[in-house]
Amino acid sequence: MVSQAPQHLLVDTDAYCKLEVAGLFVDAATSLGVPIEACGRLAALPYMLRRGRLREKLGADASDALLPKADRIPVAIQPSEHWLSPLAAVTSIDPGEAQLLAASAEHEILLLTSDKRGIRGIKDISGYAKALDGRIVVLEAILIELCEQIGLDVVRSRICPLMNLDTAVRLSFSDSNSSPLVGLMSFYRSLASEVSPLGLWRPPSHGGI
């Protein structure tokens, strides 16, 4: 169901699934000051959780568990062709991610994403680095903020289902790593350097990251 309420946070399919499989999506949205009713996701998300490659990747039980919140999140506001058309030729950006990037740029909305290929693909597109400056919330950044907001021990206790879905998370929270935050910040800084001049969203608790 499409909500008429203003949207303040868009979330891509991968980021939603990674956070919610660990029971962290609502915490993530809350840490950004956004209730679930003011979020926006791709229309295809519930269908992808019910059938196809995403369901095969996550497993039936996990996919079914992710559906209730996915159904509650309104469908993302649509971008205009002015913002969408420049992304069509970028092979690293799939059509769904293009919709969210264009909508974020046009409507000045935060975008929570774990699609690093897509972020790298937009940095040199005219107008996008400026329009999206500070609005791209990557997975590492929101996890850094969650460690501050709800506590490192809480995040660590929930993160296990996410370990096999994300390399940065697996390495940062591995048993051999005594400081997950150091690992997350290292991955964040590396990506931030790659996508410059596009400025990523910075966790307020670590503003100088």
C-alpha atoms as a PDB file:
ATOM      1  CA  MET A   1       0.000   0.000   0.000  1.00  0.00           C
ATOM      2  CA  VAL A   2       1.383   3.408  -0.986  1.00  0.00           C
ATOM      3  CA  SER A   3       1.489   5.911   1.827  1.00  0.00           C
ATOM      4  CA  GLN A   4       0.709   9.598   1.298  1.00  0.00           C
ATOM      5  CA  ALA A   5       2.840  10.585   4.283  1.00  0.00           C
ATOM      6  CA  PRO A   6       6.145  12.364   3.548  1.00  0.00           C
ATOM      7  CA  GLN A   7       9.064   9.979   3.228  1.00  0.00           C
ATOM      8  CA  HIS A   8      12.309  10.772   5.014  1.00  0.00           C
ATOM      9  CA  LEU A   9      14.264   7.540   4.455  1.00  0.00           C
ATOM     10  CA  LEU A  10      14.488   5.257   1.436  1.00  0.00           C
ATOM     11  CA  VAL A  11      15.915   1.768   1.878  1.00  0.00           C
ATOM     12  CA  ASP A  12      17.157  -0.616  -0.771  1.00  0.00           C
ATOM     13  CA  THR A  13      16.241  -4.286  -0.717  1.00  0.00           C
ATOM     14  CA  ASP A  14      19.685  -5.534   0.297  1.00  0.00           C
ATOM     15  CA  ALA A  15      20.069  -3.100   3.194  1.00  0.00           C
ATOM     16  CA  TYR A  16      16.580  -3.864   4.504  1.00  0.00           C
ATOM     17  CA  CYS A  17      17.163  -7.616   4.403  1.00  0.00           C
ATOM     18  CA  LYS A  18      20.598  -7.426   5.994  1.00  0.00           C
ATOM     19  CA  LEU A  19      19.427  -5.241   8.857  1.00  0.00           C
ATOM     20  CA  GLU A  20      16.089  -6.927   9.459  1.00  0.00           C
ATOM     21  CA  VAL A  21      17.523 -10.454   9.405  1.00  0.00           C
ATOM     22  CA  ALA A  22      19.455  -9.276  12.475  1.00  0.00           C
ATOM     23  CA  GLY A  23      16.409  -7.508  13.934  1.00  0.00           C
ATOM     24  CA  LEU A  24      18.036  -4.104  13.472  1.00  0.00           C
ATOM     25  CA  PHE A  25      16.004  -2.322  10.796  1.00  0.00           C
ATOM     26  CA  VAL A  26      13.616  -0.492  13.118  1.00  0.00           C
ATOM     27  CA  ASP A  27      16.552   0.475  15.338  1.00  0.00           C
ATOM     28  CA  ALA A  28      18.378   1.777  12.274  1.00  0.00           C
ATOM     29  CA  ALA A  29      15.430   3.877  11.127  1.00  0.00           C
ATOM     30  CA  THR A  30      14.871   5.151  14.663  1.00  0.00           C
ATOM     31  CA  SER A  31      18.527   6.151  14.978  1.00  0.00           C
ATOM     32  CA  LEU A  32      17.969   8.282  11.866  1.00  0.00           C
ATOM     33  CA  GLY A  33      14.879   9.838  13.436  1.00  0.00           C
ATOM     34  CA  VAL A  34      12.474   8.139  11.026  1.00  0.00           C
ATOM     35  CA  PRO A  35       9.451   5.946  11.915  1.00  0.00           C
ATOM     36  CA  ILE A  36       8.788   2.967   9.660  1.00  0.00           C
ATOM     37  CA  GLU A  37       5.729   4.720   8.209  1.00  0.00           C
ATOM     38  CA  ALA A  38       7.984   7.485   6.840  1.00  0.00           C
ATOM     39  CA  CYS A  39      10.315   5.060   5.046  1.00  0.00           C
ATOM     40  CA  GLY A  40      10.107   3.980   1.421  1.00  0.00           C
ATOM     41  CA  ARG A  41      11.121   0.739  -0.302  1.00  0.00           C
ATOM     42  CA  LEU A  42      10.918  -0.762  -3.769  1.00  0.00           C
ATOM     43  CA  ALA A  43       7.509  -2.098  -4.736  1.00  0.00           C
ATOM     44  CA  ALA A  44       9.025  -5.484  -5.616  1.00  0.00           C
ATOM     45  CA  LEU A  45      10.465  -6.206  -2.156  1.00  0.00           C
ATOM     46  CA  PRO A  46       7.575  -8.311  -0.762  1.00  0.00           C
ATOM     47  CA  TYR A  47       7.334 -10.289  -4.003  1.00  0.00           C
ATOM     48  CA  MET A  48      11.072 -10.959  -3.972  1.00  0.00           C
ATOM     49  CA  LEU A  49      10.805 -12.297  -0.437  1.00  0.00           C
ATOM     50  CA  ARG A  50       7.996 -14.633  -1.464  1.00  0.00           C
ATOM     51  CA  ARG A  51       9.718 -16.156  -4.511  1.00  0.00           C
ATOM     52  CA  GLY A  52      12.849 -16.076  -6.606  1.00  0.00           C
ATOM     53  CA  ARG A  53      16.580 -15.642  -5.985  1.00  0.00           C
ATOM     54  CA  LEU A  54      16.292 -13.480  -2.868  1.00  0.00           C
ATOM     55  CA  ARG A  55      14.163 -16.102  -1.123  1.00  0.00           C
ATOM     56  CA  GLU A  56      16.622 -18.804  -2.166  1.00  0.00           C
ATOM     57  CA  LYS A  57      19.542 -16.745  -0.830  1.00  0.00           C
ATOM     58  CA  LEU A  58      17.962 -15.989   2.549  1.00  0.00           C
ATOM     59  CA  GLY A  59      16.008 -19.201   2.994  1.00  0.00           C
ATOM     60  CA  ALA A  60      12.262 -19.636   3.378  1.00  0.00           C
ATOM     61  CA  ASP A  61      12.126 -19.094   7.142  1.00  0.00           C
ATOM     62  CA  ALA A  62      14.171 -15.898   7.097  1.00  0.00           C
ATOM     63  CA  SER A  63      12.266 -14.549   4.098  1.00  0.00           C
ATOM     64  CA  ASP A  64       8.916 -15.198   5.764  1.00  0.00           C
ATOM     65  CA  ALA A  65      10.153 -13.461   8.919  1.00  0.00           C
ATOM     66  CA  LEU A  66      11.119 -10.367   6.904  1.00  0.00           C
ATOM     67  CA  LEU A  67       7.746 -10.021   5.182  1.00  0.00           C
ATOM     68  CA  PRO A  68       5.625  -8.380   7.933  1.00  0.00           C
ATOM     69  CA  LYS A  69       7.817  -5.279   8.220  1.00  0.00           C
ATOM     70  CA  ALA A  70       8.429  -5.177   4.469  1.00  0.00           C
ATOM     71  CA  ASP A  71       4.665  -5.008   3.944  1.00  0.00           C
ATOM     72  CA  ARG A  72       4.430  -2.143   6.462  1.00  0.00           C
ATOM     73  CA  ILE A  73       6.987   0.016   4.675  1.00  0.00           C
ATOM     74  CA  PRO A  74       5.345   2.247   2.038  1.00  0.00           C
ATOM     75  CA  VAL A  75       6.443   2.056  -1.588  1.00  0.00           C
ATOM     76  CA  ALA A  76       9.122   4.639  -2.345  1.00  0.00           C
ATOM     77  CA  ILE A  77       8.235   7.927  -3.969  1.00  0.00           C
ATOM     78  CA  GLN A  78       8.956   7.886  -7.701  1.00  0.00           C
ATOM     79  CA  PRO A  79      11.633  10.077  -9.313  1.00  0.00           C
ATOM     80  CA  SER A  80      11.214  12.120 -12.462  1.00  0.00           C
ATOM     81  CA  GLU A  81      12.845  11.180 -15.767  1.00  0.00           C
ATOM     82  CA  HIS A  82      15.160  14.167 -15.354  1.00  0.00           C
ATOM     83  CA  TRP A  83      16.929  12.381 -12.489  1.00  0.00           C
ATOM     84  CA  LEU A  84      16.336   8.801 -13.568  1.00  0.00           C
ATOM     85  CA  SER A  85      17.483   8.917 -17.202  1.00  0.00           C
ATOM     86  CA  PRO A  86      21.190   9.716 -16.519  1.00  0.00           C
ATOM     87  CA  LEU A  87      21.467   6.457 -14.562  1.00  0.00           C
ATOM     88  CA  ALA A  88      20.179   4.230 -17.362  1.00  0.00           C
ATOM     89  CA  ALA A  89      23.574   3.927 -19.033  1.00  0.00           C
ATOM     90  CA  VAL A  90      25.451   3.073 -15.823  1.00  0.00           C
ATOM     91  CA  THR A  91      25.848  -0.700 -15.918  1.00  0.00           C
ATOM     92  CA  SER A  92      26.778  -0.960 -12.236  1.00  0.00           C
ATOM     93  CA  ILE A  93      23.381   0.429 -11.177  1.00  0.00           C
ATOM     94  CA  ASP A  94      20.383  -1.884 -11.488  1.00  0.00           C
ATOM     95  CA  PRO A  95      16.921  -0.430 -12.266  1.00  0.00           C
ATOM     96  CA  GLY A  96      15.663  -0.690  -8.689  1.00  0.00           C
ATOM     97  CA  GLU A  97      18.699   1.027  -7.208  1.00  0.00           C
ATOM     98  CA  ALA A  98      18.461   3.684  -9.923  1.00  0.00           C
ATOM     99  CA  GLN A  99      14.920   4.517  -8.799  1.00  0.00           C
ATOM    100  CA  LEU A 100      16.015   4.959  -5.197  1.00  0.00           C
ATOM    101  CA  LEU A 101      19.129   6.979  -6.037  1.00  0.00           C
ATOM    102  CA  ALA A 102      17.164   9.267  -8.333  1.00  0.00           C
ATOM    103  CA  ALA A 103      14.364   9.719  -5.790  1.00  0.00           C
ATOM    104  CA  SER A 104      16.874  10.447  -3.027  1.00  0.00           C
ATOM    105  CA  ALA A 105      18.626  13.054  -5.168  1.00  0.00           C
ATOM    106  CA  GLU A 106      15.453  14.701  -6.428  1.00  0.00           C
ATOM    107  CA  HIS A 107      13.494  14.784  -3.182  1.00  0.00           C
ATOM    108  CA  GLU A 108      16.455  15.267  -0.817  1.00  0.00           C
ATOM    109  CA  ILE A 109      15.764  12.069   1.146  1.00  0.00           C
ATOM    110  CA  LEU A 110      18.235   9.859   2.997  1.00  0.00           C
ATOM    111  CA  LEU A 111      18.972   6.544   1.286  1.00  0.00           C
ATOM    112  CA  LEU A 112      19.989   3.539   3.358  1.00  0.00           C
ATOM    113  CA  THR A 113      21.873   1.215   1.012  1.00  0.00           C
ATOM    114  CA  SER A 114      24.447  -1.550   0.938  1.00  0.00           C
ATOM    115  CA  ASP A 115      24.882  -1.418  -2.850  1.00  0.00           C
ATOM    116  CA  LYS A 116      28.500  -0.285  -3.078  1.00  0.00           C
ATOM    117  CA  ARG A 117      28.674  -0.849  -6.848  1.00  0.00           C
ATOM    118  CA  GLY A 118      25.771   1.524  -7.324  1.00  0.00           C
ATOM    119  CA  ILE A 119      27.325   4.201  -5.111  1.00  0.00           C
ATOM    120  CA  ARG A 120      30.602   3.973  -6.992  1.00  0.00           C
ATOM    121  CA  GLY A 121      28.700   4.309 -10.254  1.00  0.00           C
ATOM    122  CA  ILE A 122      27.094   7.675  -9.493  1.00  0.00           C
ATOM    123  CA  LYS A 123      30.038   9.694  -8.210  1.00  0.00           C
ATOM    124  CA  ASP A 124      30.914  11.151 -11.625  1.00  0.00           C
ATOM    125  CA  ILE A 125      27.376  11.715 -12.944  1.00  0.00           C
ATOM    126  CA  SER A 126      26.685  15.414 -13.318  1.00  0.00           C
ATOM    127  CA  GLY A 127      24.700  16.840 -10.402  1.00  0.00           C
ATOM    128  CA  TYR A 128      24.548  13.659  -8.368  1.00  0.00           C
ATOM    129  CA  ALA A 129      27.496  14.144  -6.018  1.00  0.00           C
ATOM    130  CA  LYS A 130      26.079  17.506  -4.938  1.00  0.00           C
ATOM    131  CA  ALA A 131      22.457  16.328  -4.693  1.00  0.00           C
ATOM    132  CA  LEU A 132      23.321  13.230  -2.671  1.00  0.00           C
ATOM    133  CA  ASP A 133      26.034  14.750  -0.505  1.00  0.00           C
ATOM    134  CA  GLY A 134      25.555  13.465   3.043  1.00  0.00           C
ATOM    135  CA  ARG A 135      22.422  11.515   2.105  1.00  0.00           C
ATOM    136  CA  ILE A 136      23.844   8.061   1.344  1.00  0.00           C
ATOM    137  CA  VAL A 137      23.734   5.968   4.534  1.00  0.00           C
ATOM    138  CA  VAL A 138      25.859   2.860   4.015  1.00  0.00           C
ATOM    139  CA  LEU A 139      25.557  -0.283   6.124  1.00  0.00           C
ATOM    140  CA  GLU A 140      28.861   0.253   7.935  1.00  0.00           C
ATOM    141  CA  ALA A 141      27.844   3.796   8.928  1.00  0.00           C
ATOM    142  CA  ILE A 142      24.483   2.798  10.367  1.00  0.00           C
ATOM    143  CA  LEU A 143      26.049  -0.080  12.292  1.00  0.00           C
ATOM    144  CA  ILE A 144      28.605   2.318  13.780  1.00  0.00           C
ATOM    145  CA  GLU A 145      25.758   4.570  14.890  1.00  0.00           C
ATOM    146  CA  LEU A 146      23.755   1.639  16.268  1.00  0.00           C
ATOM    147  CA  CYS A 147      26.724   0.541  18.365  1.00  0.00           C
ATOM    148  CA  GLU A 148      26.501   3.967  19.990  1.00  0.00           C
ATOM    149  CA  GLN A 149      22.712   4.223  20.179  1.00  0.00           C
ATOM    150  CA  ILE A 150      21.751   0.747  21.417  1.00  0.00           C
ATOM    151  CA  GLY A 151      25.173  -0.505  22.510  1.00  0.00           C
ATOM    152  CA  LEU A 152      27.935  -2.599  21.003  1.00  0.00           C
ATOM    153  CA  ASP A 153      26.953  -5.632  23.068  1.00  0.00           C
ATOM    154  CA  VAL A 154      23.366  -5.497  21.781  1.00  0.00           C
ATOM    155  CA  VAL A 155      24.501  -5.193  18.164  1.00  0.00           C
ATOM    156  CA  ARG A 156      26.993  -8.017  18.636  1.00  0.00           C
ATOM    157  CA  SER A 157      24.290 -10.244  20.155  1.00  0.00           C
ATOM    158  CA  ARG A 158      22.038  -9.776  17.108  1.00  0.00           C
ATOM    159  CA  ILE A 159      24.559  -9.682  14.294  1.00  0.00           C
ATOM    160  CA  CYS A 160      25.105 -13.428  13.836  1.00  0.00           C
ATOM    161  CA  PRO A 161      22.424 -13.942  11.104  1.00  0.00           C
ATOM    162  CA  LEU A 162      24.103 -11.163   9.090  1.00  0.00           C
ATOM    163  CA  MET A 163      27.621 -12.582   9.230  1.00  0.00           C
ATOM    164  CA  ASN A 164      27.234 -14.757   6.130  1.00  0.00           C
ATOM    165  CA  LEU A 165      25.525 -11.990   4.132  1.00  0.00           C
ATOM    166  CA  ASP A 166      28.104  -9.203   4.360  1.00  0.00           C
ATOM    167  CA  THR A 167      31.900  -9.394   4.225  1.00  0.00           C
ATOM    168  CA  ALA A 168      32.569  -6.182   6.167  1.00  0.00           C
ATOM    169  CA  VAL A 169      30.278  -7.303   8.972  1.00  0.00           C
ATOM    170  CA  ARG A 170      31.779 -10.791   9.073  1.00  0.00           C
ATOM    171  CA  LEU A 171      35.325  -9.475   9.327  1.00  0.00           C
ATOM    172  CA  SER A 172      34.487  -6.662  11.760  1.00  0.00           C
ATOM    173  CA  PHE A 173      32.575  -8.900  14.158  1.00  0.00           C
ATOM    174  CA  SER A 174      34.760 -11.989  13.836  1.00  0.00           C
ATOM    175  CA  ASP A 175      35.940 -13.661  17.025  1.00  0.00           C
ATOM    176  CA  SER A 176      39.502 -12.649  16.197  1.00  0.00           C
ATOM    177  CA  ASN A 177      38.591  -8.945  16.055  1.00  0.00           C
ATOM    178  CA  SER A 178      38.453  -7.409  19.527  1.00  0.00           C
ATOM    179  CA  SER A 179      37.110  -4.065  18.245  1.00  0.00           C
ATOM    180  CA  PRO A 180      34.288  -4.272  15.678  1.00  0.00           C
ATOM    181  CA  LEU A 181      34.074  -0.484  15.507  1.00  0.00           C
ATOM    182  CA  VAL A 182      37.647  -0.226  14.267  1.00  0.00           C
ATOM    183  CA  GLY A 183      36.840  -2.652  11.468  1.00  0.00           C
ATOM    184  CA  LEU A 184      33.604  -0.907  10.509  1.00  0.00           C
ATOM    185  CA  MET A 185      35.294   2.488  10.464  1.00  0.00           C
ATOM    186  CA  SER A 186      38.105   1.137   8.298  1.00  0.00           C
ATOM    187  CA  PHE A 187      35.640  -0.197   5.710  1.00  0.00           C
ATOM    188  CA  TYR A 188      33.686   3.077   5.869  1.00  0.00           C
ATOM    189  CA  ARG A 189      36.772   5.227   5.303  1.00  0.00           C
ATOM    190  CA  SER A 190      37.873   3.080   2.376  1.00  0.00           C
ATOM    191  CA  LEU A 191      34.504   3.413   0.645  1.00  0.00           C
ATOM    192  CA  ALA A 192      34.296   7.141   1.403  1.00  0.00           C
ATOM    193  CA  SER A 193      37.643   7.604  -0.322  1.00  0.00           C
ATOM    194  CA  GLU A 194      36.529   5.589  -3.353  1.00  0.00           C
ATOM    195  CA  VAL A 195      33.312   7.541  -3.932  1.00  0.00           C
ATOM    196  CA  SER A 196      34.740  11.044  -3.436  1.00  0.00           C
ATOM    197  CA  PRO A 197      33.620  13.737  -4.337  1.00  0.00           C
ATOM    198  CA  LEU A 198      30.329  12.209  -3.163  1.00  0.00           C
ATOM    199  CA  GLY A 199      30.196  12.632   0.607  1.00  0.00           C
ATOM    200  CA  LEU A 200      28.630   9.758   2.538  1.00  0.00           C
ATOM    201  CA  TRP A 201      26.390  10.243   5.563  1.00  0.00           C
ATOM    202  CA  ARG A 202      28.498  10.402   8.721  1.00  0.00           C
ATOM    203  CA  PRO A 203      27.385   8.805  11.972  1.00  0.00           C
ATOM    204  CA  PRO A 204      26.716  11.714  14.365  1.00  0.00           C
ATOM    205  CA  SER A 205      28.373   9.798  17.189  1.00  0.00           C
ATOM    206  CA  HIS A 206      31.568   9.665  15.118  1.00  0.00           C
ATOM    207  CA  GLY A 207      31.347  12.886  13.139  1.00  0.00           C
ATOM    208  CA  GLY A 208      35.034  13.034  12.390  1.00  0.00           C
ATOM    209  CA  ILE A 209      35.168   9.548  10.894  1.00  0.00           C
END
